[in-house]
Protein backbone atom coordinates (compact mmCIF):
# COMPACT_ATOMS: atom_id res chain seq x y z
CA MET A 1 -89.94 32.65 56.53
CA ALA A 2 -91.63 29.37 55.50
CA PRO A 3 -89.88 26.05 56.32
CA GLU A 4 -89.45 25.25 52.59
CA GLU A 5 -87.60 28.50 52.03
CA THR A 6 -85.31 27.80 54.97
CA THR A 7 -84.51 24.34 53.59
CA MET A 8 -83.94 25.74 50.10
CA GLU A 9 -81.73 28.52 51.42
CA ALA A 10 -79.76 26.07 53.56
CA GLY A 11 -79.28 23.87 50.49
CA TRP A 12 -77.82 26.51 48.21
CA LYS A 13 -75.70 27.97 51.02
CA GLU A 14 -74.09 24.52 51.40
CA TRP A 15 -73.33 24.53 47.65
CA LYS A 16 -71.59 27.93 47.88
CA SER A 17 -68.41 26.30 49.19
CA GLU A 18 -65.48 26.34 46.74
CA GLU A 19 -65.45 22.52 46.63
CA ASN A 20 -69.13 22.29 45.70
CA LEU A 21 -68.92 25.16 43.22
CA GLY A 22 -66.05 23.27 41.59
CA ARG A 23 -68.25 20.17 41.35
CA LEU A 24 -71.02 22.18 39.68
CA GLU A 25 -68.54 23.63 37.19
CA CYS A 26 -67.14 20.18 36.35
CA TRP A 27 -70.61 18.72 35.82
CA ALA A 28 -71.52 21.62 33.52
CA ARG A 29 -68.23 21.22 31.61
CA ALA A 30 -68.98 17.50 31.22
CA GLY A 31 -72.23 18.40 29.45
CA LEU A 32 -74.79 17.68 32.17
CA THR A 33 -78.01 19.69 31.89
CA ASP A 34 -79.46 21.63 34.82
CA ARG A 35 -82.08 18.91 35.23
CA MET A 36 -79.40 16.21 35.42
CA ILE A 37 -77.34 18.20 37.92
CA ALA A 38 -80.38 18.96 40.07
CA GLU A 39 -82.09 15.58 40.07
CA GLU A 40 -79.24 13.09 39.58
CA LYS A 41 -76.29 14.78 41.29
CA ILE A 42 -77.81 16.96 44.01
CA GLY A 43 -81.15 15.20 44.49
CA ILE A 44 -83.52 18.16 44.26
CA PRO A 45 -86.23 19.07 41.73
CA GLU A 46 -85.13 21.10 38.72
CA GLY A 47 -87.41 23.98 39.81
CA GLY A 48 -85.61 24.14 43.14
CA PHE A 49 -82.27 24.26 41.36
CA GLU A 50 -83.53 27.15 39.21
CA ALA A 51 -84.43 28.98 42.43
CA TRP A 52 -80.89 28.29 43.75
CA LYS A 53 -79.41 29.86 40.61
CA GLN A 54 -81.60 32.94 41.06
CA ALA A 55 -80.75 33.26 44.75
CA CYS A 56 -77.03 32.57 44.39
CA PRO A 57 -75.19 34.22 41.47
CA GLU A 58 -72.02 32.25 42.30
CA ILE A 59 -73.79 28.98 41.40
CA ARG A 60 -75.11 30.41 38.13
CA ASP A 61 -71.70 31.88 37.24
CA ARG A 62 -69.82 28.62 37.87
CA LEU A 63 -72.31 26.66 35.74
CA ASP A 64 -71.92 29.23 32.95
CA ARG A 65 -68.13 29.09 33.23
CA GLY A 66 -68.10 25.29 32.98
CA ARG A 67 -70.33 25.33 29.90
CA GLU A 68 -68.30 28.10 28.28
CA LEU A 69 -65.05 26.15 28.74
CA ALA A 70 -66.58 23.06 27.12
CA ASP A 71 -68.06 25.11 24.27
CA ASN A 72 -64.68 26.76 23.62
CA GLU A 73 -62.92 23.38 23.50
CA VAL A 74 -65.43 22.04 20.99
CA GLU A 75 -65.26 25.23 18.93
CA ASN A 76 -61.45 25.02 18.80
CA ALA A 77 -61.58 21.35 17.81
CA LEU A 78 -64.12 22.11 15.08
CA LEU A 79 -62.00 24.96 13.71
CA ARG A 80 -58.86 22.78 13.77
CA SER A 81 -60.75 20.03 11.95
CA ALA A 82 -62.11 22.49 9.37
CA ARG A 83 -58.63 23.82 8.62
CA GLY A 84 -56.68 20.56 8.73
CA TYR A 85 -53.52 20.19 10.77
CA THR A 86 -50.17 18.47 11.04
CA VAL A 87 -49.32 16.16 13.90
CA THR A 88 -46.21 14.22 14.89
CA ILE A 89 -46.68 10.64 16.03
CA ARG A 90 -44.25 8.02 17.32
CA GLU A 91 -44.23 4.86 15.26
CA PRO A 92 -42.39 1.54 15.73
CA VAL A 93 -39.99 0.60 12.89
CA LYS A 94 -38.10 -2.67 12.47
CA VAL A 95 -34.38 -2.06 12.04
CA ARG A 96 -32.04 -4.77 10.74
CA ARG A 97 -28.33 -4.31 11.37
CA GLN A 98 -25.99 -6.08 8.97
CA VAL A 99 -22.26 -6.68 9.05
CA GLY A 100 -20.61 -8.00 5.89
CA GLY A 101 -23.97 -8.81 4.29
CA LYS A 102 -25.03 -10.93 7.27
CA CYS A 103 -27.94 -10.02 9.54
CA VAL A 104 -26.50 -9.37 12.98
CA GLU A 105 -29.49 -8.03 14.85
CA ASP A 106 -33.15 -7.08 14.38
CA SER A 107 -34.63 -4.47 16.69
CA ILE A 108 -37.64 -2.23 16.97
CA GLU A 109 -37.03 1.50 17.29
CA MET A 110 -39.53 4.29 17.79
CA VAL A 111 -39.28 7.08 15.23
CA ASP A 112 -41.16 10.36 14.87
CA LYS A 113 -43.40 10.63 11.85
CA THR A 114 -45.17 13.82 10.78
CA ILE A 115 -48.55 13.33 9.15
CA HIS A 116 -51.03 15.81 7.75
CA VAL A 117 -54.69 15.44 8.71
CA PRO A 118 -56.64 17.02 5.84
CA ALA A 119 -59.35 19.59 6.35
CA SER A 120 -62.82 18.20 7.00
CA VAL A 121 -65.37 19.44 4.45
CA PRO A 122 -68.35 18.69 6.74
CA ALA A 123 -66.68 20.73 9.51
CA GLN A 124 -66.14 23.59 7.06
CA ILE A 125 -69.78 23.47 5.95
CA PHE A 126 -71.00 23.41 9.55
CA TRP A 127 -68.74 26.32 10.48
CA LEU A 128 -69.80 28.46 7.52
CA LYS A 129 -73.52 27.75 7.92
CA ASN A 130 -73.36 28.80 11.56
CA ARG A 131 -70.87 31.66 11.38
CA ARG A 132 -72.10 33.17 8.10
CA PRO A 133 -75.69 32.03 7.67
CA ASN A 134 -76.54 34.96 5.41
CA LEU A 135 -74.00 33.68 2.85
CA TRP A 136 -74.10 29.91 3.40
CA LYS A 137 -77.66 29.01 4.30
CA GLU A 138 -79.09 25.76 2.94
CA ARG A 139 -81.85 27.22 0.77
CA LEU A 140 -81.36 29.57 -2.14
CA ASP A 141 -83.12 32.88 -1.90
CA PRO A 142 -85.93 32.93 -4.50
CA ARG A 143 -85.18 36.62 -5.13
CA ARG A 144 -81.80 35.73 -6.67
CA ASP A 145 -81.68 35.47 -10.42
CA ASP A 146 -80.85 32.28 -12.37
CA ARG A 147 -77.44 33.67 -13.35
CA THR A 148 -76.36 33.71 -9.68
CA VAL A 149 -77.54 30.14 -9.19
CA GLU A 150 -75.64 29.04 -12.31
CA LYS A 151 -72.41 30.65 -11.01
CA VAL A 152 -72.70 28.68 -7.77
CA ASN A 153 -73.48 25.46 -9.63
CA GLU A 154 -70.47 25.97 -11.92
CA ALA A 155 -68.14 26.48 -8.98
CA MET A 156 -69.55 23.40 -7.22
CA ARG A 157 -69.03 21.22 -10.33
CA GLY A 158 -65.32 21.96 -10.07
CA TYR A 159 -65.28 20.82 -6.46
CA ASP A 160 -67.33 17.76 -7.36
CA GLU A 161 -64.63 16.79 -9.87
CA LEU A 162 -61.93 17.20 -7.22
CA PHE A 163 -63.82 14.93 -4.82
CA ARG A 164 -64.53 12.28 -7.45
CA ASN A 165 -60.93 12.20 -8.70
CA PRO A 166 -58.75 13.12 -5.71
CA VAL A 167 -55.03 13.51 -6.06
CA PRO A 168 -53.31 10.92 -3.80
CA ASP A 169 -51.34 12.33 -0.87
CA ARG A 170 -52.41 15.90 -1.62
CA LYS A 171 -51.31 18.26 1.12
CA GLN A 172 -53.01 21.42 2.25
CA GLU A 173 -50.24 23.63 0.86
CA ASP A 174 -50.74 22.00 -2.58
CA MET A 175 -54.29 23.37 -2.61
CA GLN A 176 -53.13 26.99 -2.32
CA ASP A 177 -52.11 27.03 -5.99
CA THR A 178 -55.32 25.40 -7.21
CA PRO A 179 -57.06 27.84 -9.58
CA LEU A 180 -60.52 26.68 -8.50
CA ARG A 181 -61.97 28.92 -5.81
CA LEU A 182 -65.53 29.12 -4.58
CA VAL A 183 -66.43 32.76 -4.32
CA HIS A 184 -69.85 33.80 -3.15
CA PRO A 185 -71.76 35.37 -6.08
CA ASP A 186 -72.62 38.49 -4.06
CA THR A 187 -68.93 39.32 -3.70
CA GLN A 188 -68.16 39.24 -7.45
């Protein structure tokens, strides 16, 4: 066995400990690339780190697990943003106590307030373009006829009007009764 191989093998064997595998997983979850982990965190060339991953499936698996956890968190946040959600926050409120028309005491109390965060249209667009690219791709298929294009344009004009003249304090449940729906022309 060549001395380089012995050094490489000794290196990845050291990183097989549960503590070091945990470090690798955390770095991957934090978004570090293999190059960054290899060169900045471990201090070896990226090619050597690739050899470690080939020689030691535990290292590769922990990196994959860290990245998958981060990807799932971002996917869940994107989906939540695309749908809109309700959240309860604590807010300070000034309370004035009066006795016989006279102010006796002013105080600040924390109260719960429920607010609705509306759905994010850019998040919806991103989700649909990536999850259903055959239906929501950016370019129109030249094989479609002009009637199909006109149907899409007509539906989009209705949404354009909603965005130009929004209804103040509209909630997500209010939108369920809105007659305007964008339906893909191929499904009609």
